[in-house]
Amino acid sequence: MTSAEALAIRVGLGIPDFDRDGRCGADYGAMKPVHRVVGLVFLSGHVAQIGTSIIHKGRPGADVTVDRGYAAARRTGLNVLGGIRQAVGRWTG
C-alpha cells in the first residue's frame, strides 16, 4: 500500500516540513495553528505563507488576481497538510 505522503510527493505536492523549517504562523504570537486531542486534529490560522513571508496578500478581485488567489489557496492547503503532518507525524495508509 502506498502512503499518503509518498502519493503527495509523486504528484508533485511540495508539502512544507514544519519540524525542519518552523511552524506556519510562528511569528503570530500565541496562536496555535494545530491542536491535537485524542484522535482529532483541529486547525486554525493557516495562511499562504512560505517561510516567514505571506504571499499574495489581499482579496481576489480587489487586490489580487484570480490566478494569484488560486496560488494563495493552493499554498494555504499545502500549509494545512504540513500542519497535519507535524501534528500526527509521518502519514501512513
PDB file of N, CA and C in Angstrom:
ATOM      1  N   MET A   1       0.849  -1.175   0.000  1.00  0.00           N
ATOM      2  CA  MET A   1       0.000   0.000   0.000  1.00  0.00           C
ATOM      3  C   MET A   1       0.902   1.248   0.000  1.00  0.00           C
ATOM      4  N   THR A   2       0.535   2.236  -0.764  1.00  0.00           N
ATOM      5  CA  THR A   2       1.288   3.476  -0.844  1.00  0.00           C
ATOM      6  C   THR A   2       0.839   4.435   0.256  1.00  0.00           C
ATOM      7  N   SER A   3       1.800   5.062   0.907  1.00  0.00           N
ATOM      8  CA  SER A   3       1.429   6.011   1.955  1.00  0.00           C
ATOM      9  C   SER A   3       0.913   7.299   1.322  1.00  0.00           C
ATOM     10  N   ALA A   4       0.120   8.028   2.059  1.00  0.00           N
ATOM     11  CA  ALA A   4      -0.404   9.306   1.579  1.00  0.00           C
ATOM     12  C   ALA A   4       0.747  10.271   1.293  1.00  0.00           C
ATOM     13  N   GLU A   5       1.786  10.220   2.100  1.00  0.00           N
ATOM     14  CA  GLU A   5       2.927  11.105   1.906  1.00  0.00           C
ATOM     15  C   GLU A   5       3.669  10.771   0.621  1.00  0.00           C
ATOM     16  N   ALA A   6       3.863   9.498   0.326  1.00  0.00           N
ATOM     17  CA  ALA A   6       4.522   9.095  -0.919  1.00  0.00           C
ATOM     18  C   ALA A   6       3.695   9.520  -2.126  1.00  0.00           C
ATOM     19  N   LEU A   7       2.381   9.398  -2.025  1.00  0.00           N
ATOM     20  CA  LEU A   7       1.497   9.835  -3.112  1.00  0.00           C
ATOM     21  C   LEU A   7       1.612  11.339  -3.329  1.00  0.00           C
ATOM     22  N   ALA A   8       1.643  12.115  -2.250  1.00  0.00           N
ATOM     23  CA  ALA A   8       1.779  13.572  -2.360  1.00  0.00           C
ATOM     24  C   ALA A   8       3.081  13.935  -3.059  1.00  0.00           C
ATOM     25  N   ILE A   9       4.156  13.249  -2.724  1.00  0.00           N
ATOM     26  CA  ILE A   9       5.449  13.504  -3.371  1.00  0.00           C
ATOM     27  C   ILE A   9       5.384  13.119  -4.843  1.00  0.00           C
ATOM     28  N   ARG A  10       4.772  11.990  -5.133  1.00  0.00           N
ATOM     29  CA  ARG A  10       4.689  11.503  -6.518  1.00  0.00           C
ATOM     30  C   ARG A  10       3.908  12.455  -7.415  1.00  0.00           C
ATOM     31  N   VAL A  11       2.870  13.103  -6.897  1.00  0.00           N
ATOM     32  CA  VAL A  11       2.085  14.028  -7.718  1.00  0.00           C
ATOM     33  C   VAL A  11       2.653  15.446  -7.683  1.00  0.00           C
ATOM     34  N   GLY A  12       3.775  15.625  -6.973  1.00  0.00           N
ATOM     35  CA  GLY A  12       4.470  16.901  -7.015  1.00  0.00           C
ATOM     36  C   GLY A  12       4.013  17.951  -6.016  1.00  0.00           C
ATOM     37  N   LEU A  13       3.358  17.526  -4.936  1.00  0.00           N
ATOM     38  CA  LEU A  13       2.947  18.489  -3.914  1.00  0.00           C
ATOM     39  C   LEU A  13       4.134  18.798  -3.007  1.00  0.00           C
ATOM     40  N   GLY A  14       4.482  20.047  -2.905  1.00  0.00           N
ATOM     41  CA  GLY A  14       5.590  20.472  -2.053  1.00  0.00           C
ATOM     42  C   GLY A  14       5.105  20.792  -0.654  1.00  0.00           C
ATOM     43  N   ILE A  15       4.796  19.776   0.112  1.00  0.00           N
ATOM     44  CA  ILE A  15       4.275  19.967   1.463  1.00  0.00           C
ATOM     45  C   ILE A  15       5.420  20.401   2.376  1.00  0.00           C
ATOM     46  N   PRO A  16       5.261  21.528   3.066  1.00  0.00           N
ATOM     47  CA  PRO A  16       6.342  22.020   3.907  1.00  0.00           C
ATOM     48  C   PRO A  16       6.608  21.114   5.110  1.00  0.00           C
ATOM     49  N   ASP A  17       7.850  21.106   5.547  1.00  0.00           N
ATOM     50  CA  ASP A  17       8.249  20.339   6.724  1.00  0.00           C
ATOM     51  C   ASP A  17       8.425  21.323   7.872  1.00  0.00           C
ATOM     52  N   PHE A  18       7.380  21.517   8.669  1.00  0.00           N
ATOM     53  CA  PHE A  18       7.413  22.490   9.757  1.00  0.00           C
ATOM     54  C   PHE A  18       8.314  22.049  10.908  1.00  0.00           C
ATOM     55  N   ASP A  19       8.587  20.753  11.033  1.00  0.00           N
ATOM     56  CA  ASP A  19       9.543  20.308  12.046  1.00  0.00           C
ATOM     57  C   ASP A  19      10.939  20.814  11.688  1.00  0.00           C
ATOM     58  N   ARG A  20      11.257  20.836  10.406  1.00  0.00           N
ATOM     59  CA  ARG A  20      12.559  21.291   9.940  1.00  0.00           C
ATOM     60  C   ARG A  20      12.630  22.815   9.838  1.00  0.00           C
ATOM     61  N   ASP A  21      11.574  23.434   9.294  1.00  0.00           N
ATOM     62  CA  ASP A  21      11.608  24.856   8.938  1.00  0.00           C
ATOM     63  C   ASP A  21      10.908  25.777   9.932  1.00  0.00           C
ATOM     64  N   GLY A  22      10.282  25.237  10.944  1.00  0.00           N
ATOM     65  CA  GLY A  22       9.491  26.060  11.866  1.00  0.00           C
ATOM     66  C   GLY A  22       8.046  26.091  11.404  1.00  0.00           C
ATOM     67  N   ARG A  23       7.134  26.165  12.350  1.00  0.00           N
ATOM     68  CA  ARG A  23       5.711  26.044  12.016  1.00  0.00           C
ATOM     69  C   ARG A  23       5.156  27.282  11.322  1.00  0.00           C
ATOM     70  N   CYS A  24       4.116  27.070  10.579  1.00  0.00           N
ATOM     71  CA  CYS A  24       3.413  28.164   9.905  1.00  0.00           C
ATOM     72  C   CYS A  24       2.783  29.057  10.968  1.00  0.00           C
ATOM     73  N   GLY A  25       2.982  30.360  10.851  1.00  0.00           N
ATOM     74  CA  GLY A  25       2.390  31.296  11.783  1.00  0.00           C
ATOM     75  C   GLY A  25       3.153  31.447  13.080  1.00  0.00           C
ATOM     76  N   ALA A  26       4.400  30.996  13.126  1.00  0.00           N
ATOM     77  CA  ALA A  26       5.176  31.054  14.359  1.00  0.00           C
ATOM     78  C   ALA A  26       5.365  32.481  14.853  1.00  0.00           C
ATOM     79  N   ASP A  27       5.328  33.440  13.945  1.00  0.00           N
ATOM     80  CA  ASP A  27       5.531  34.834  14.342  1.00  0.00           C
ATOM     81  C   ASP A  27       4.221  35.547  14.691  1.00  0.00           C
ATOM     82  N   TYR A  28       3.127  34.806  14.855  1.00  0.00           N
ATOM     83  CA  TYR A  28       1.827  35.400  15.187  1.00  0.00           C
ATOM     84  C   TYR A  28       1.573  35.459  16.682  1.00  0.00           C
ATOM     85  N   GLY A  29       2.570  35.184  17.494  1.00  0.00           N
ATOM     86  CA  GLY A  29       2.380  35.216  18.934  1.00  0.00           C
ATOM     87  C   GLY A  29       1.883  33.889  19.466  1.00  0.00           C
ATOM     88  N   ALA A  30       0.851  33.927  20.280  1.00  0.00           N
ATOM     89  CA  ALA A  30       0.377  32.735  20.974  1.00  0.00           C
ATOM     90  C   ALA A  30      -0.535  31.852  20.117  1.00  0.00           C
ATOM     91  N   MET A  31      -0.808  32.249  18.875  1.00  0.00           N
ATOM     92  CA  MET A  31      -1.682  31.457  18.009  1.00  0.00           C
ATOM     93  C   MET A  31      -1.106  30.049  17.843  1.00  0.00           C
ATOM     94  N   LYS A  32      -1.941  29.055  17.999  1.00  0.00           N
ATOM     95  CA  LYS A  32      -1.534  27.662  17.840  1.00  0.00           C
ATOM     96  C   LYS A  32      -2.249  27.110  16.614  1.00  0.00           C
ATOM     97  N   PRO A  33      -1.541  26.897  15.495  1.00  0.00           N
ATOM     98  CA  PRO A  33      -2.206  26.506  14.258  1.00  0.00           C
ATOM     99  C   PRO A  33      -2.765  25.088  14.254  1.00  0.00           C
ATOM    100  N   VAL A  34      -2.219  24.207  15.091  1.00  0.00           N
ATOM    101  CA  VAL A  34      -2.681  22.823  15.133  1.00  0.00           C
ATOM    102  C   VAL A  34      -2.798  22.400  16.592  1.00  0.00           C
ATOM    103  N   HIS A  35      -3.915  21.767  16.908  1.00  0.00           N
ATOM    104  CA  HIS A  35      -4.116  21.244  18.264  1.00  0.00           C
ATOM    105  C   HIS A  35      -4.676  19.840  18.126  1.00  0.00           C
ATOM    106  N   ARG A  36      -4.035  18.903  18.780  1.00  0.00           N
ATOM    107  CA  ARG A  36      -4.451  17.503  18.682  1.00  0.00           C
ATOM    108  C   ARG A  36      -5.054  17.057  20.012  1.00  0.00           C
ATOM    109  N   VAL A  37      -6.260  16.488  19.930  1.00  0.00           N
ATOM    110  CA  VAL A  37      -6.950  15.952  21.099  1.00  0.00           C
ATOM    111  C   VAL A  37      -7.395  14.542  20.755  1.00  0.00           C
ATOM    112  N   VAL A  38      -6.867  13.576  21.463  1.00  0.00           N
ATOM    113  CA  VAL A  38      -7.149  12.159  21.231  1.00  0.00           C
ATOM    114  C   VAL A  38      -6.977  11.863  19.741  1.00  0.00           C
ATOM    115  N   GLY A  39      -8.033  11.518  19.030  1.00  0.00           N
ATOM    116  CA  GLY A  39      -7.931  11.183  17.611  1.00  0.00           C
ATOM    117  C   GLY A  39      -8.331  12.305  16.672  1.00  0.00           C
ATOM    118  N   LEU A  40      -8.437  13.524  17.180  1.00  0.00           N
ATOM    119  CA  LEU A  40      -8.857  14.657  16.362  1.00  0.00           C
ATOM    120  C   LEU A  40      -7.736  15.673  16.228  1.00  0.00           C
ATOM    121  N   VAL A  41      -7.677  16.327  15.061  1.00  0.00           N
ATOM    122  CA  VAL A  41      -6.729  17.419  14.832  1.00  0.00           C
ATOM    123  C   VAL A  41      -7.545  18.656  14.478  1.00  0.00           C
ATOM    124  N   PHE A  42      -7.379  19.717  15.245  1.00  0.00           N
ATOM    125  CA  PHE A  42      -8.050  20.990  14.988  1.00  0.00           C
ATOM    126  C   PHE A  42      -7.047  21.950  14.372  1.00  0.00           C
ATOM    127  N   LEU A  43      -7.462  22.652  13.318  1.00  0.00           N
ATOM    128  CA  LEU A  43      -6.588  23.572  12.598  1.00  0.00           C
ATOM    129  C   LEU A  43      -7.096  24.995  12.744  1.00  0.00           C
ATOM    130  N   SER A  44      -6.148  25.940  12.729  1.00  0.00           N
ATOM    131  CA  SER A  44      -6.522  27.340  12.853  1.00  0.00           C
ATOM    132  C   SER A  44      -5.447  28.219  12.251  1.00  0.00           C
ATOM    133  N   GLY A  45      -5.838  29.292  11.599  1.00  0.00           N
ATOM    134  CA  GLY A  45      -4.920  30.352  11.214  1.00  0.00           C
ATOM    135  C   GLY A  45      -3.937  30.047  10.112  1.00  0.00           C
ATOM    136  N   HIS A  46      -4.172  29.038   9.301  1.00  0.00           N
ATOM    137  CA  HIS A  46      -3.246  28.757   8.211  1.00  0.00           C
ATOM    138  C   HIS A  46      -3.437  29.787   7.089  1.00  0.00           C
ATOM    139  N   VAL A  47      -2.335  30.261   6.558  1.00  0.00           N
ATOM    140  CA  VAL A  47      -2.350  31.274   5.506  1.00  0.00           C
ATOM    141  C   VAL A  47      -1.384  30.861   4.406  1.00  0.00           C
ATOM    142  N   ALA A  48      -1.363  31.663   3.342  1.00  0.00           N
ATOM    143  CA  ALA A  48      -0.453  31.416   2.215  1.00  0.00           C
ATOM    144  C   ALA A  48       0.928  31.944   2.576  1.00  0.00           C
ATOM    145  N   GLN A  49       1.630  31.191   3.388  1.00  0.00           N
ATOM    146  CA  GLN A  49       2.923  31.613   3.913  1.00  0.00           C
ATOM    147  C   GLN A  49       4.015  30.670   3.431  1.00  0.00           C
ATOM    148  N   ILE A  50       5.142  31.249   3.008  1.00  0.00           N
ATOM    149  CA  ILE A  50       6.346  30.490   2.695  1.00  0.00           C
ATOM    150  C   ILE A  50       7.440  31.062   3.581  1.00  0.00           C
ATOM    151  N   GLY A  51       7.985  30.238   4.450  1.00  0.00           N
ATOM    152  CA  GLY A  51       8.947  30.745   5.430  1.00  0.00           C
ATOM    153  C   GLY A  51       8.247  31.725   6.343  1.00  0.00           C
ATOM    154  N   THR A  52       8.773  32.938   6.419  1.00  0.00           N
ATOM    155  CA  THR A  52       8.135  33.961   7.252  1.00  0.00           C
ATOM    156  C   THR A  52       7.355  34.974   6.426  1.00  0.00           C
ATOM    157  N   SER A  53       7.250  34.747   5.115  1.00  0.00           N
ATOM    158  CA  SER A  53       6.575  35.704   4.229  1.00  0.00           C
ATOM    159  C   SER A  53       5.202  35.205   3.804  1.00  0.00           C
ATOM    160  N   ILE A  54       4.202  36.065   3.957  1.00  0.00           N
ATOM    161  CA  ILE A  54       2.869  35.756   3.447  1.00  0.00           C
ATOM    162  C   ILE A  54       2.840  36.206   1.989  1.00  0.00           C
ATOM    163  N   ILE A  55       2.454  35.289   1.114  1.00  0.00           N
ATOM    164  CA  ILE A  55       2.432  35.601  -0.320  1.00  0.00           C
ATOM    165  C   ILE A  55       1.022  36.010  -0.744  1.00  0.00           C
ATOM    166  N   HIS A  56       0.935  36.795  -1.781  1.00  0.00           N
ATOM    167  CA  HIS A  56      -0.346  37.184  -2.387  1.00  0.00           C
ATOM    168  C   HIS A  56      -1.323  37.785  -1.373  1.00  0.00           C
ATOM    169  N   LYS A  57      -0.900  38.793  -0.650  1.00  0.00           N
ATOM    170  CA  LYS A  57      -1.782  39.447   0.319  1.00  0.00           C
ATOM    171  C   LYS A  57      -2.902  40.181  -0.410  1.00  0.00           C
ATOM    172  N   GLY A  58      -4.092  40.160   0.141  1.00  0.00           N
ATOM    173  CA  GLY A  58      -5.226  40.887  -0.419  1.00  0.00           C
ATOM    174  C   GLY A  58      -6.391  39.972  -0.709  1.00  0.00           C
ATOM    175  N   ARG A  59      -7.410  40.545  -1.373  1.00  0.00           N
ATOM    176  CA  ARG A  59      -8.619  39.801  -1.712  1.00  0.00           C
ATOM    177  C   ARG A  59      -8.700  39.619  -3.218  1.00  0.00           C
ATOM    178  N   PRO A  60      -8.973  38.383  -3.676  1.00  0.00           N
ATOM    179  CA  PRO A  60      -9.126  38.161  -5.115  1.00  0.00           C
ATOM    180  C   PRO A  60     -10.240  39.044  -5.676  1.00  0.00           C
ATOM    181  N   GLY A  61      -9.969  39.641  -6.803  1.00  0.00           N
ATOM    182  CA  GLY A  61     -10.931  40.526  -7.442  1.00  0.00           C
ATOM    183  C   GLY A  61     -10.770  41.970  -7.032  1.00  0.00           C
ATOM    184  N   ALA A  62     -10.169  42.210  -5.869  1.00  0.00           N
ATOM    185  CA  ALA A  62      -9.950  43.580  -5.402  1.00  0.00           C
ATOM    186  C   ALA A  62      -8.467  43.927  -5.488  1.00  0.00           C
ATOM    187  N   ASP A  63      -7.647  43.223  -4.727  1.00  0.00           N
ATOM    188  CA  ASP A  63      -6.215  43.491  -4.659  1.00  0.00           C
ATOM    189  C   ASP A  63      -5.376  42.434  -5.377  1.00  0.00           C
ATOM    190  N   VAL A  64      -5.947  41.266  -5.603  1.00  0.00           N
ATOM    191  CA  VAL A  64      -5.220  40.116  -6.116  1.00  0.00           C
ATOM    192  C   VAL A  64      -5.987  39.536  -7.304  1.00  0.00           C
ATOM    193  N   THR A  65      -5.262  39.124  -8.339  1.00  0.00           N
ATOM    194  CA  THR A  65      -5.909  38.490  -9.491  1.00  0.00           C
ATOM    195  C   THR A  65      -6.443  37.117  -9.083  1.00  0.00           C
ATOM    196  N   VAL A  66      -7.329  36.594  -9.889  1.00  0.00           N
ATOM    197  CA  VAL A  66      -7.879  35.262  -9.616  1.00  0.00           C
ATOM    198  C   VAL A  66      -6.764  34.220  -9.627  1.00  0.00           C
ATOM    199  N   ASP A  67      -5.823  34.321 -10.551  1.00  0.00           N
ATOM    200  CA  ASP A  67      -4.715  33.367 -10.603  1.00  0.00           C
ATOM    201  C   ASP A  67      -3.854  33.426  -9.341  1.00  0.00           C
ATOM    202  N   ARG A  68      -3.589  34.626  -8.864  1.00  0.00           N
ATOM    203  CA  ARG A  68      -2.812  34.761  -7.633  1.00  0.00           C
ATOM    204  C   ARG A  68      -3.624  34.270  -6.434  1.00  0.00           C
ATOM    205  N   GLY A  69      -4.932  34.472  -6.454  1.00  0.00           N
ATOM    206  CA  GLY A  69      -5.795  33.941  -5.402  1.00  0.00           C
ATOM    207  C   GLY A  69      -5.767  32.421  -5.383  1.00  0.00           C
ATOM    208  N   TYR A  70      -5.765  31.810  -6.576  1.00  0.00           N
ATOM    209  CA  TYR A  70      -5.667  30.356  -6.687  1.00  0.00           C
ATOM    210  C   TYR A  70      -4.339  29.878  -6.099  1.00  0.00           C
ATOM    211  N   ALA A  71      -3.249  30.569  -6.442  1.00  0.00           N
ATOM    212  CA  ALA A  71      -1.926  30.197  -5.931  1.00  0.00           C
ATOM    213  C   ALA A  71      -1.878  30.329  -4.403  1.00  0.00           C
ATOM    214  N   ALA A  72      -2.507  31.370  -3.865  1.00  0.00           N
ATOM    215  CA  ALA A  72      -2.541  31.558  -2.411  1.00  0.00           C
ATOM    216  C   ALA A  72      -3.349  30.443  -1.743  1.00  0.00           C
ATOM    217  N   ALA A  73      -4.469  30.068  -2.338  1.00  0.00           N
ATOM    218  CA  ALA A  73      -5.289  28.985  -1.782  1.00  0.00           C
ATOM    219  C   ALA A  73      -4.538  27.658  -1.828  1.00  0.00           C
ATOM    220  N   ARG A  74      -3.812  27.420  -2.901  1.00  0.00           N
ATOM    221  CA  ARG A  74      -3.019  26.191  -3.022  1.00  0.00           C
ATOM    222  C   ARG A  74      -1.946  26.157  -1.940  1.00  0.00           C
ATOM    223  N   ARG A  75      -1.229  27.262  -1.742  1.00  0.00           N
ATOM    224  CA  ARG A  75      -0.179  27.326  -0.726  1.00  0.00           C
ATOM    225  C   ARG A  75      -0.770  27.123   0.667  1.00  0.00           C
ATOM    226  N   THR A  76      -1.952  27.714   0.923  1.00  0.00           N
ATOM    227  CA  THR A  76      -2.605  27.535   2.217  1.00  0.00           C
ATOM    228  C   THR A  76      -2.947  26.063   2.435  1.00  0.00           C
ATOM    229  N   GLY A  77      -3.468  25.413   1.410  1.00  0.00           N
ATOM    230  CA  GLY A  77      -3.780  23.979   1.505  1.00  0.00           C
ATOM    231  C   GLY A  77      -2.550  23.141   1.805  1.00  0.00           C
ATOM    232  N   LEU A  78      -1.421  23.458   1.156  1.00  0.00           N
ATOM    233  CA  LEU A  78      -0.176  22.741   1.424  1.00  0.00           C
ATOM    234  C   LEU A  78       0.279  22.977   2.863  1.00  0.00           C
ATOM    235  N   ASN A  79       0.111  24.212   3.348  1.00  0.00           N
ATOM    236  CA  ASN A  79       0.478  24.507   4.731  1.00  0.00           C
ATOM    237  C   ASN A  79      -0.410  23.754   5.717  1.00  0.00           C
ATOM    238  N   VAL A  80      -1.681  23.594   5.394  1.00  0.00           N
ATOM    239  CA  VAL A  80      -2.586  22.804   6.236  1.00  0.00           C
ATOM    240  C   VAL A  80      -2.090  21.354   6.290  1.00  0.00           C
ATOM    241  N   LEU A  81      -1.727  20.788   5.137  1.00  0.00           N
ATOM    242  CA  LEU A  81      -1.211  19.418   5.114  1.00  0.00           C
ATOM    243  C   LEU A  81       0.088  19.307   5.909  1.00  0.00           C
ATOM    244  N   GLY A  82       0.943  20.324   5.804  1.00  0.00           N
ATOM    245  CA  GLY A  82       2.169  20.338   6.597  1.00  0.00           C
ATOM    246  C   GLY A  82       1.883  20.405   8.086  1.00  0.00           C
ATOM    247  N   GLY A  83       0.866  21.180   8.469  1.00  0.00           N
ATOM    248  CA  GLY A  83       0.479  21.268   9.876  1.00  0.00           C
ATOM    249  C   GLY A  83      -0.072  19.955  10.402  1.00  0.00           C
ATOM    250  N   ILE A  84      -0.861  19.275   9.576  1.00  0.00           N
ATOM    251  CA  ILE A  84      -1.388  17.963   9.976  1.00  0.00           C
ATOM    252  C   ILE A  84      -0.240  16.976  10.148  1.00  0.00           C
ATOM    253  N   ARG A  85       0.677  16.989   9.191  1.00  0.00           N
ATOM    254  CA  ARG A  85       1.834  16.063   9.283  1.00  0.00           C
ATOM    255  C   ARG A  85       2.638  16.356  10.547  1.00  0.00           C
ATOM    256  N   GLN A  86       2.821  17.636  10.881  1.00  0.00           N
ATOM    257  CA  GLN A  86       3.559  17.983  12.096  1.00  0.00           C
ATOM    258  C   GLN A  86       2.824  17.475  13.342  1.00  0.00           C
ATOM    259  N   ALA A  87       1.503  17.538  13.333  1.00  0.00           N
ATOM    260  CA  ALA A  87       0.716  17.113  14.499  1.00  0.00           C
ATOM    261  C   ALA A  87       0.692  15.609  14.684  1.00  0.00           C
ATOM    262  N   VAL A  88       0.627  14.859  13.584  1.00  0.00           N
ATOM    263  CA  VAL A  88       0.441  13.401  13.698  1.00  0.00           C
ATOM    264  C   VAL A  88       1.690  12.606  13.355  1.00  0.00           C
ATOM    265  N   GLY A  89       2.727  13.264  12.871  1.00  0.00           N
ATOM    266  CA  GLY A  89       3.923  12.534  12.445  1.00  0.00           C
ATOM    267  C   GLY A  89       3.774  12.122  11.001  1.00  0.00           C
ATOM    268  N   ARG A  90       4.577  11.202  10.571  1.00  0.00           N
ATOM    269  CA  ARG A  90       4.541  10.737   9.179  1.00  0.00           C
ATOM    270  C   ARG A  90       3.209  10.057   8.888  1.00  0.00           C
ATOM    271  N   TRP A  91       2.727  10.285   7.669  1.00  0.00           N
ATOM    272  CA  TRP A  91       1.452   9.690   7.265  1.00  0.00           C
ATOM    273  C   TRP A  91       1.658   8.258   6.818  1.00  0.00           C
ATOM    274  N   THR A  92       0.650   7.438   7.070  1.00  0.00           N
ATOM    275  CA  THR A  92       0.649   6.064   6.564  1.00  0.00           C
ATOM    276  C   THR A  92      -0.750   5.748   6.104  1.00  0.00           C
ATOM    277  N   GLY A  93      -0.866   4.677   5.319  1.00  0.00           N
ATOM    278  CA  GLY A  93      -2.188   4.218   4.906  1.00  0.00           C
ATOM    279  C   GLY A  93      -2.709   4.821   3.655  1.00  0.00           C
TER     280      GLY A  93
END
